[in-house]
Amino acid sequence: MHIEHEPNGHKGRFVIKEGGQDLGEMTYTKAGDDKIIIDHTEAFPGSEGKGVGRKLVMAGVEFARTHGLRIIPLCPFAATVFDRNAAELADVRG
């Protein structure tokens, strides 16, 4: 299983793949120079139980940390990950 980042102007997405198949995606939009908004996280059918959604959100967190960005988790799933891991993710929550 590996995650690819696909930036596209002021938007982008992280895609998790296994065996050449997409298992899920997380999309984001840039909000100014220092924030991104996670607007959608989806695990595709057949990827249940693999932690796809959480892995995608955490890939976004690592991206934000590397680039000095804050994250606004607008997506309900991403917001739940942030809420459940509040102390660990406080440094990037916008």
PDB file of N, CA and C in Angstrom:
ATOM      1  N   MET A   1       0.851  -1.165   0.000  1.00  0.00           N
ATOM      2  CA  MET A   1       0.000   0.000   0.000  1.00  0.00           C
ATOM      3  C   MET A   1       0.902   1.235   0.000  1.00  0.00           C
ATOM      4  N   HIS A   2       0.628   2.166  -0.891  1.00  0.00           N
ATOM      5  CA  HIS A   2       1.388   3.416  -0.906  1.00  0.00           C
ATOM      6  C   HIS A   2       0.453   4.588  -1.236  1.00  0.00           C
ATOM      7  N   ILE A   3       0.905   5.781  -0.833  1.00  0.00           N
ATOM      8  CA  ILE A   3       0.092   6.990  -1.018  1.00  0.00           C
ATOM      9  C   ILE A   3       0.814   7.921  -1.979  1.00  0.00           C
ATOM     10  N   GLU A   4       0.068   8.436  -2.928  1.00  0.00           N
ATOM     11  CA  GLU A   4       0.591   9.403  -3.887  1.00  0.00           C
ATOM     12  C   GLU A   4      -0.092  10.748  -3.671  1.00  0.00           C
ATOM     13  N   HIS A   5       0.686  11.812  -3.817  1.00  0.00           N
ATOM     14  CA  HIS A   5       0.154  13.178  -3.724  1.00  0.00           C
ATOM     15  C   HIS A   5       0.042  13.716  -5.140  1.00  0.00           C
ATOM     16  N   GLU A   6      -1.117  14.253  -5.471  1.00  0.00           N
ATOM     17  CA  GLU A   6      -1.363  14.801  -6.801  1.00  0.00           C
ATOM     18  C   GLU A   6      -1.826  16.253  -6.673  1.00  0.00           C
ATOM     19  N   PRO A   7      -0.862  17.205  -6.618  1.00  0.00           N
ATOM     20  CA  PRO A   7      -1.259  18.618  -6.566  1.00  0.00           C
ATOM     21  C   PRO A   7      -1.815  19.066  -7.911  1.00  0.00           C
ATOM     22  N   ASN A   8      -2.759  20.021  -7.855  1.00  0.00           N
ATOM     23  CA  ASN A   8      -3.367  20.530  -9.085  1.00  0.00           C
ATOM     24  C   ASN A   8      -3.770  21.987  -8.862  1.00  0.00           C
ATOM     25  N   GLY A   9      -2.815  22.898  -8.995  1.00  0.00           N
ATOM     26  CA  GLY A   9      -3.094  24.309  -8.778  1.00  0.00           C
ATOM     27  C   GLY A   9      -3.380  24.572  -7.310  1.00  0.00           C
ATOM     28  N   HIS A  10      -4.529  25.177  -7.006  1.00  0.00           N
ATOM     29  CA  HIS A  10      -4.874  25.462  -5.616  1.00  0.00           C
ATOM     30  C   HIS A  10      -5.643  24.310  -4.953  1.00  0.00           C
ATOM     31  N   LYS A  11      -5.737  23.196  -5.657  1.00  0.00           N
ATOM     32  CA  LYS A  11      -6.374  21.988  -5.122  1.00  0.00           C
ATOM     33  C   LYS A  11      -5.374  20.836  -5.180  1.00  0.00           C
ATOM     34  N   GLY A  12      -5.762  19.724  -4.637  1.00  0.00           N
ATOM     35  CA  GLY A  12      -4.920  18.543  -4.723  1.00  0.00           C
ATOM     36  C   GLY A  12      -5.611  17.365  -4.082  1.00  0.00           C
ATOM     37  N   ARG A  13      -4.942  16.221  -4.173  1.00  0.00           N
ATOM     38  CA  ARG A  13      -5.487  15.038  -3.535  1.00  0.00           C
ATOM     39  C   ARG A  13      -4.363  14.069  -3.193  1.00  0.00           C
ATOM     40  N   PHE A  14      -4.654  13.246  -2.214  1.00  0.00           N
ATOM     41  CA  PHE A  14      -3.811  12.128  -1.860  1.00  0.00           C
ATOM     42  C   PHE A  14      -4.598  10.883  -2.225  1.00  0.00           C
ATOM     43  N   VAL A  15      -3.943   9.945  -2.898  1.00  0.00           N
ATOM     44  CA  VAL A  15      -4.586   8.704  -3.321  1.00  0.00           C
ATOM     45  C   VAL A  15      -3.798   7.549  -2.723  1.00  0.00           C
ATOM     46  N   ILE A  16      -4.492   6.595  -2.137  1.00  0.00           N
ATOM     47  CA  ILE A  16      -3.836   5.408  -1.600  1.00  0.00           C
ATOM     48  C   ILE A  16      -4.080   4.262  -2.575  1.00  0.00           C
ATOM     49  N   LYS A  17      -2.990   3.542  -2.898  1.00  0.00           N
ATOM     50  CA  LYS A  17      -3.059   2.497  -3.924  1.00  0.00           C
ATOM     51  C   LYS A  17      -2.472   1.199  -3.391  1.00  0.00           C
ATOM     52  N   GLU A  18      -2.985   0.126  -3.934  1.00  0.00           N
ATOM     53  CA  GLU A  18      -2.454  -1.193  -3.609  1.00  0.00           C
ATOM     54  C   GLU A  18      -2.642  -2.076  -4.835  1.00  0.00           C
ATOM     55  N   GLY A  19      -1.566  -2.675  -5.291  1.00  0.00           N
ATOM     56  CA  GLY A  19      -1.655  -3.560  -6.453  1.00  0.00           C
ATOM     57  C   GLY A  19      -2.206  -2.882  -7.685  1.00  0.00           C
ATOM     58  N   GLY A  20      -1.885  -1.600  -7.874  1.00  0.00           N
ATOM     59  CA  GLY A  20      -2.354  -0.859  -9.038  1.00  0.00           C
ATOM     60  C   GLY A  20      -3.792  -0.383  -8.944  1.00  0.00           C
ATOM     61  N   GLN A  21      -4.435  -0.618  -7.823  1.00  0.00           N
ATOM     62  CA  GLN A  21      -5.837  -0.215  -7.644  1.00  0.00           C
ATOM     63  C   GLN A  21      -5.931   0.917  -6.623  1.00  0.00           C
ATOM     64  N   ASP A  22      -6.751   1.922  -6.932  1.00  0.00           N
ATOM     65  CA  ASP A  22      -7.019   2.997  -5.975  1.00  0.00           C
ATOM     66  C   ASP A  22      -7.939   2.473  -4.881  1.00  0.00           C
ATOM     67  N   LEU A  23      -7.516   2.671  -3.614  1.00  0.00           N
ATOM     68  CA  LEU A  23      -8.334   2.242  -2.483  1.00  0.00           C
ATOM     69  C   LEU A  23      -9.123   3.390  -1.867  1.00  0.00           C
ATOM     70  N   GLY A  24      -8.675   4.619  -2.114  1.00  0.00           N
ATOM     71  CA  GLY A  24      -9.364   5.775  -1.556  1.00  0.00           C
ATOM     72  C   GLY A  24      -8.650   7.058  -1.906  1.00  0.00           C
ATOM     73  N   GLU A  25      -9.296   8.186  -1.565  1.00  0.00           N
ATOM     74  CA  GLU A  25      -8.699   9.487  -1.832  1.00  0.00           C
ATOM     75  C   GLU A  25      -9.106  10.489  -0.766  1.00  0.00           C
ATOM     76  N   MET A  26      -8.262  11.494  -0.617  1.00  0.00           N
ATOM     77  CA  MET A  26      -8.568  12.634   0.235  1.00  0.00           C
ATOM     78  C   MET A  26      -8.260  13.871  -0.599  1.00  0.00           C
ATOM     79  N   THR A  27      -9.215  14.780  -0.702  1.00  0.00           N
ATOM     80  CA  THR A  27      -9.004  15.991  -1.484  1.00  0.00           C
ATOM     81  C   THR A  27      -8.886  17.196  -0.570  1.00  0.00           C
ATOM     82  N   TYR A  28      -8.179  18.196  -1.057  1.00  0.00           N
ATOM     83  CA  TYR A  28      -7.995  19.425  -0.287  1.00  0.00           C
ATOM     84  C   TYR A  28      -7.978  20.633  -1.219  1.00  0.00           C
ATOM     85  N   THR A  29      -8.206  21.792  -0.627  1.00  0.00           N
ATOM     86  CA  THR A  29      -8.127  23.072  -1.316  1.00  0.00           C
ATOM     87  C   THR A  29      -7.234  23.980  -0.489  1.00  0.00           C
ATOM     88  N   LYS A  30      -6.355  24.719  -1.147  1.00  0.00           N
ATOM     89  CA  LYS A  30      -5.522  25.687  -0.435  1.00  0.00           C
ATOM     90  C   LYS A  30      -6.381  26.859   0.013  1.00  0.00           C
ATOM     91  N   ALA A  31      -6.128  27.344   1.214  1.00  0.00           N
ATOM     92  CA  ALA A  31      -6.841  28.505   1.762  1.00  0.00           C
ATOM     93  C   ALA A  31      -5.779  29.527   2.140  1.00  0.00           C
ATOM     94  N   GLY A  32      -5.405  30.343   1.189  1.00  0.00           N
ATOM     95  CA  GLY A  32      -4.325  31.292   1.427  1.00  0.00           C
ATOM     96  C   GLY A  32      -2.977  30.612   1.322  1.00  0.00           C
ATOM     97  N   ASP A  33      -1.963  31.256   1.881  1.00  0.00           N
ATOM     98  CA  ASP A  33      -0.601  30.740   1.778  1.00  0.00           C
ATOM     99  C   ASP A  33      -0.239  29.745   2.869  1.00  0.00           C
ATOM    100  N   ASP A  34      -1.039  29.681   3.942  1.00  0.00           N
ATOM    101  CA  ASP A  34      -0.610  28.892   5.087  1.00  0.00           C
ATOM    102  C   ASP A  34      -1.613  27.852   5.567  1.00  0.00           C
ATOM    103  N   LYS A  35      -2.688  27.615   4.799  1.00  0.00           N
ATOM    104  CA  LYS A  35      -3.700  26.649   5.233  1.00  0.00           C
ATOM    105  C   LYS A  35      -4.187  25.808   4.049  1.00  0.00           C
ATOM    106  N   ILE A  36      -4.608  24.597   4.396  1.00  0.00           N
ATOM    107  CA  ILE A  36      -5.349  23.776   3.439  1.00  0.00           C
ATOM    108  C   ILE A  36      -6.627  23.311   4.129  1.00  0.00           C
ATOM    109  N   ILE A  37      -7.660  23.115   3.323  1.00  0.00           N
ATOM    110  CA  ILE A  37      -8.943  22.618   3.810  1.00  0.00           C
ATOM    111  C   ILE A  37      -9.101  21.194   3.283  1.00  0.00           C
ATOM    112  N   ILE A  38      -9.199  20.236   4.201  1.00  0.00           N
ATOM    113  CA  ILE A  38      -9.537  18.877   3.775  1.00  0.00           C
ATOM    114  C   ILE A  38     -11.047  18.863   3.578  1.00  0.00           C
ATOM    115  N   ASP A  39     -11.465  18.688   2.319  1.00  0.00           N
ATOM    116  CA  ASP A  39     -12.891  18.796   2.014  1.00  0.00           C
ATOM    117  C   ASP A  39     -13.572  17.458   1.720  1.00  0.00           C
ATOM    118  N   HIS A  40     -12.784  16.398   1.550  1.00  0.00           N
ATOM    119  CA  HIS A  40     -13.399  15.102   1.237  1.00  0.00           C
ATOM    120  C   HIS A  40     -12.403  13.985   1.517  1.00  0.00           C
ATOM    121  N   THR A  41     -12.871  12.939   2.169  1.00  0.00           N
ATOM    122  CA  THR A  41     -12.084  11.722   2.369  1.00  0.00           C
ATOM    123  C   THR A  41     -12.998  10.550   2.066  1.00  0.00           C
ATOM    124  N   GLU A  42     -12.497   9.620   1.249  1.00  0.00           N
ATOM    125  CA  GLU A  42     -13.339   8.492   0.857  1.00  0.00           C
ATOM    126  C   GLU A  42     -12.503   7.226   0.715  1.00  0.00           C
ATOM    127  N   ALA A  43     -12.958   6.166   1.348  1.00  0.00           N
ATOM    128  CA  ALA A  43     -12.412   4.826   1.130  1.00  0.00           C
ATOM    129  C   ALA A  43     -13.329   4.161   0.109  1.00  0.00           C
ATOM    130  N   PHE A  44     -12.754   3.667  -0.964  1.00  0.00           N
ATOM    131  CA  PHE A  44     -13.561   3.080  -2.023  1.00  0.00           C
ATOM    132  C   PHE A  44     -14.031   1.670  -1.632  1.00  0.00           C
ATOM    133  N   PRO A  45     -15.133   1.202  -2.234  1.00  0.00           N
ATOM    134  CA  PRO A  45     -15.638  -0.142  -1.925  1.00  0.00           C
ATOM    135  C   PRO A  45     -14.540  -1.198  -2.098  1.00  0.00           C
ATOM    136  N   GLY A  46     -14.495  -2.112  -1.153  1.00  0.00           N
ATOM    137  CA  GLY A  46     -13.494  -3.172  -1.179  1.00  0.00           C
ATOM    138  C   GLY A  46     -12.280  -2.879  -0.317  1.00  0.00           C
ATOM    139  N   SER A  47     -12.194  -1.657   0.214  1.00  0.00           N
ATOM    140  CA  SER A  47     -11.035  -1.293   1.032  1.00  0.00           C
ATOM    141  C   SER A  47     -11.391  -1.200   2.517  1.00  0.00           C
ATOM    142  N   GLU A  48     -12.555  -1.678   2.865  1.00  0.00           N
ATOM    143  CA  GLU A  48     -13.013  -1.599   4.243  1.00  0.00           C
ATOM    144  C   GLU A  48     -12.057  -2.330   5.178  1.00  0.00           C
ATOM    145  N   GLY A  49     -11.861  -1.765   6.369  1.00  0.00           N
ATOM    146  CA  GLY A  49     -11.053  -2.403   7.385  1.00  0.00           C
ATOM    147  C   GLY A  49      -9.557  -2.243   7.232  1.00  0.00           C
ATOM    148  N   LYS A  50      -9.113  -1.457   6.270  1.00  0.00           N
ATOM    149  CA  LYS A  50      -7.683  -1.274   6.029  1.00  0.00           C
ATOM    150  C   LYS A  50      -7.154   0.045   6.580  1.00  0.00           C
ATOM    151  N   GLY A  51      -8.025   0.843   7.183  1.00  0.00           N
ATOM    152  CA  GLY A  51      -7.578   2.124   7.731  1.00  0.00           C
ATOM    153  C   GLY A  51      -7.237   3.154   6.668  1.00  0.00           C
ATOM    154  N   VAL A  52      -7.839   3.015   5.511  1.00  0.00           N
ATOM    155  CA  VAL A  52      -7.541   3.879   4.369  1.00  0.00           C
ATOM    156  C   VAL A  52      -7.784   5.350   4.686  1.00  0.00           C
ATOM    157  N   GLY A  53      -8.944   5.671   5.231  1.00  0.00           N
ATOM    158  CA  GLY A  53      -9.279   7.067   5.507  1.00  0.00           C
ATOM    159  C   GLY A  53      -8.297   7.716   6.458  1.00  0.00           C
ATOM    160  N   ARG A  54      -7.971   7.043   7.552  1.00  0.00           N
ATOM    161  CA  ARG A  54      -7.039   7.600   8.538  1.00  0.00           C
ATOM    162  C   ARG A  54      -5.648   7.774   7.935  1.00  0.00           C
ATOM    163  N   LYS A  55      -5.202   6.796   7.147  1.00  0.00           N
ATOM    164  CA  LYS A  55      -3.882   6.906   6.508  1.00  0.00           C
ATOM    165  C   LYS A  55      -3.829   8.110   5.575  1.00  0.00           C
ATOM    166  N   LEU A  56      -4.920   8.370   4.871  1.00  0.00           N
ATOM    167  CA  LEU A  56      -4.967   9.522   3.976  1.00  0.00           C
ATOM    168  C   LEU A  56      -4.918  10.836   4.747  1.00  0.00           C
ATOM    169  N   VAL A  57      -5.693  10.922   5.827  1.00  0.00           N
ATOM    170  CA  VAL A  57      -5.674  12.138   6.640  1.00  0.00           C
ATOM    171  C   VAL A  57      -4.275  12.361   7.216  1.00  0.00           C
ATOM    172  N   MET A  58      -3.641  11.299   7.687  1.00  0.00           N
ATOM    173  CA  MET A  58      -2.306  11.439   8.264  1.00  0.00           C
ATOM    174  C   MET A  58      -1.268  11.809   7.208  1.00  0.00           C
ATOM    175  N   ALA A  59      -1.461  11.393   5.960  1.00  0.00           N
ATOM    176  CA  ALA A  59      -0.579  11.829   4.882  1.00  0.00           C
ATOM    177  C   ALA A  59      -0.718  13.337   4.685  1.00  0.00           C
ATOM    178  N   GLY A  60      -1.943  13.834   4.779  1.00  0.00           N
ATOM    179  CA  GLY A  60      -2.165  15.272   4.703  1.00  0.00           C
ATOM    180  C   GLY A  60      -1.514  16.007   5.859  1.00  0.00           C
ATOM    181  N   VAL A  61      -1.542  15.410   7.049  1.00  0.00           N
ATOM    182  CA  VAL A  61      -0.905  16.003   8.226  1.00  0.00           C
ATOM    183  C   VAL A  61       0.603  16.095   8.015  1.00  0.00           C
ATOM    184  N   GLU A  62       1.209  15.036   7.519  1.00  0.00           N
ATOM    185  CA  GLU A  62       2.660  15.062   7.277  1.00  0.00           C
ATOM    186  C   GLU A  62       3.017  16.096   6.211  1.00  0.00           C
ATOM    187  N   PHE A  63       2.187  16.204   5.190  1.00  0.00           N
ATOM    188  CA  PHE A  63       2.394  17.229   4.154  1.00  0.00           C
ATOM    189  C   PHE A  63       2.341  18.616   4.778  1.00  0.00           C
ATOM    190  N   ALA A  64       1.352  18.843   5.629  1.00  0.00           N
ATOM    191  CA  ALA A  64       1.208  20.147   6.279  1.00  0.00           C
ATOM    192  C   ALA A  64       2.413  20.449   7.168  1.00  0.00           C
ATOM    193  N   ARG A  65       2.850  19.476   7.926  1.00  0.00           N
ATOM    194  CA  ARG A  65       4.011  19.692   8.801  1.00  0.00           C
ATOM    195  C   ARG A  65       5.258  20.013   7.990  1.00  0.00           C
ATOM    196  N   THR A  66       5.469  19.300   6.922  1.00  0.00           N
ATOM    197  CA  THR A  66       6.643  19.516   6.075  1.00  0.00           C
ATOM    198  C   THR A  66       6.650  20.900   5.450  1.00  0.00           C
ATOM    199  N   HIS A  67       5.462  21.414   5.125  1.00  0.00           N
ATOM    200  CA  HIS A  67       5.356  22.687   4.404  1.00  0.00           C
ATOM    201  C   HIS A  67       4.913  23.854   5.288  1.00  0.00           C
ATOM    202  N   GLY A  68       4.866  23.647   6.591  1.00  0.00           N
ATOM    203  CA  GLY A  68       4.491  24.723   7.515  1.00  0.00           C
ATOM    204  C   GLY A  68       3.071  25.206   7.332  1.00  0.00           C
ATOM    205  N   LEU A  69       2.149  24.281   7.072  1.00  0.00           N
ATOM    206  CA  LEU A  69       0.750  24.626   6.830  1.00  0.00           C
ATOM    207  C   LEU A  69      -0.123  24.206   8.011  1.00  0.00           C
ATOM    208  N   ARG A  70      -1.285  24.809   8.091  1.00  0.00           N
ATOM    209  CA  ARG A  70      -2.320  24.424   9.050  1.00  0.00           C
ATOM    210  C   ARG A  70      -3.435  23.761   8.246  1.00  0.00           C
ATOM    211  N   ILE A  71      -4.202  22.910   8.908  1.00  0.00           N
ATOM    212  CA  ILE A  71      -5.297  22.187   8.247  1.00  0.00           C
ATOM    213  C   ILE A  71      -6.627  22.557   8.888  1.00  0.00           C
ATOM    214  N   ILE A  72      -7.589  22.857   8.032  1.00  0.00           N
ATOM    215  CA  ILE A  72      -8.974  23.022   8.456  1.00  0.00           C
ATOM    216  C   ILE A  72      -9.695  21.749   8.002  1.00  0.00           C
ATOM    217  N   PRO A  73     -10.069  20.866   8.931  1.00  0.00           N
ATOM    218  CA  PRO A  73     -10.707  19.607   8.551  1.00  0.00           C
ATOM    219  C   PRO A  73     -12.217  19.768   8.346  1.00  0.00           C
ATOM    220  N   LEU A  74     -12.611  20.255   7.189  1.00  0.00           N
ATOM    221  CA  LEU A  74     -14.024  20.471   6.878  1.00  0.00           C
ATOM    222  C   LEU A  74     -14.761  19.144   6.657  1.00  0.00           C
ATOM    223  N   CYS A  75     -14.101  18.189   6.078  1.00  0.00           N
ATOM    224  CA  CYS A  75     -14.673  16.858   5.868  1.00  0.00           C
ATOM    225  C   CYS A  75     -15.011  16.229   7.215  1.00  0.00           C
ATOM    226  N   PRO A  76     -16.225  15.696   7.382  1.00  0.00           N
ATOM    227  CA  PRO A  76     -16.604  15.112   8.670  1.00  0.00           C
ATOM    228  C   PRO A  76     -15.670  13.994   9.141  1.00  0.00           C
ATOM    229  N   PHE A  77     -15.197  13.157   8.224  1.00  0.00           N
ATOM    230  CA  PHE A  77     -14.286  12.079   8.622  1.00  0.00           C
ATOM    231  C   PHE A  77     -12.971  12.665   9.127  1.00  0.00           C
ATOM    232  N   ALA A  78     -12.400  13.618   8.391  1.00  0.00           N
ATOM    233  CA  ALA A  78     -11.143  14.247   8.814  1.00  0.00           C
ATOM    234  C   ALA A  78     -11.323  14.956  10.152  1.00  0.00           C
ATOM    235  N   ALA A  79     -12.455  15.618  10.346  1.00  0.00           N
ATOM    236  CA  ALA A  79     -12.722  16.305  11.615  1.00  0.00           C
ATOM    237  C   ALA A  79     -12.751  15.303  12.768  1.00  0.00           C
ATOM    238  N   THR A  80     -13.316  14.124  12.538  1.00  0.00           N
ATOM    239  CA  THR A  80     -13.345  13.086  13.566  1.00  0.00           C
ATOM    240  C   THR A  80     -11.939  12.608  13.899  1.00  0.00           C
ATOM    241  N   VAL A  81     -11.107  12.421  12.895  1.00  0.00           N
ATOM    242  CA  VAL A  81      -9.712  12.020  13.143  1.00  0.00           C
ATOM    243  C   VAL A  81      -9.012  13.088  13.972  1.00  0.00           C
ATOM    244  N   PHE A  82      -9.213  14.349  13.622  1.00  0.00           N
ATOM    245  CA  PHE A  82      -8.594  15.442  14.374  1.00  0.00           C
ATOM    246  C   PHE A  82      -9.125  15.504  15.804  1.00  0.00           C
ATOM    247  N   ASP A  83     -10.418  15.317  15.983  1.00  0.00           N
ATOM    248  CA  ASP A  83     -11.007  15.356  17.317  1.00  0.00           C
ATOM    249  C   ASP A  83     -10.498  14.216  18.194  1.00  0.00           C
ATOM    250  N   ARG A  84     -10.374  13.036  17.632  1.00  0.00           N
ATOM    251  CA  ARG A  84      -9.931  11.861  18.400  1.00  0.00           C
ATOM    252  C   ARG A  84      -8.437  11.895  18.717  1.00  0.00           C
ATOM    253  N   ASN A  85      -7.693  12.693  17.973  1.00  0.00           N
ATOM    254  CA  ASN A  85      -6.241  12.781  18.153  1.00  0.00           C
ATOM    255  C   ASN A  85      -5.833  14.236  18.394  1.00  0.00           C
ATOM    256  N   ALA A  86      -6.637  14.938  19.180  1.00  0.00           N
ATOM    257  CA  ALA A  86      -6.488  16.386  19.353  1.00  0.00           C
ATOM    258  C   ALA A  86      -5.086  16.791  19.795  1.00  0.00           C
ATOM    259  N   ALA A  87      -4.520  16.131  20.774  1.00  0.00           N
ATOM    260  CA  ALA A  87      -3.194  16.513  21.278  1.00  0.00           C
ATOM    261  C   ALA A  87      -2.117  16.287  20.224  1.00  0.00           C
ATOM    262  N   GLU A  88      -2.193  15.143  19.544  1.00  0.00           N
ATOM    263  CA  GLU A  88      -1.182  14.786  18.537  1.00  0.00           C
ATOM    264  C   GLU A  88      -1.246  15.709  17.310  1.00  0.00           C
ATOM    265  N   LEU A  89      -2.430  16.214  16.983  1.00  0.00           N
ATOM    266  CA  LEU A  89      -2.603  16.988  15.757  1.00  0.00           C
ATOM    267  C   LEU A  89      -2.800  18.480  16.001  1.00  0.00           C
ATOM    268  N   ALA A  90      -2.694  18.918  17.237  1.00  0.00           N
ATOM    269  CA  ALA A  90      -2.918  20.336  17.575  1.00  0.00           C
ATOM    270  C   ALA A  90      -1.988  21.270  16.828  1.00  0.00           C
ATOM    271  N   ASP A  91      -0.779  20.810  16.521  1.00  0.00           N
ATOM    272  CA  ASP A  91       0.199  21.668  15.851  1.00  0.00           C
ATOM    273  C   ASP A  91      -0.191  22.042  14.428  1.00  0.00           C
ATOM    274  N   VAL A  92      -1.079  21.272  13.802  1.00  0.00           N
ATOM    275  CA  VAL A  92      -1.464  21.576  12.419  1.00  0.00           C
ATOM    276  C   VAL A  92      -2.925  21.986  12.265  1.00  0.00           C
ATOM    277  N   ARG A  93      -3.725  21.829  13.308  1.00  0.00           N
ATOM    278  CA  ARG A  93      -5.147  22.185  13.158  1.00  0.00           C
ATOM    279  C   ARG A  93      -5.295  23.699  13.055  1.00  0.00           C
ATOM    280  N   GLY A  94      -5.982  24.120  11.998  1.00  0.00           N
ATOM    281  CA  GLY A  94      -6.140  25.548  11.742  1.00  0.00           C
ATOM    282  C   GLY A  94      -7.422  26.118  12.227  1.00  0.00           C
TER     283      GLY A  94
END
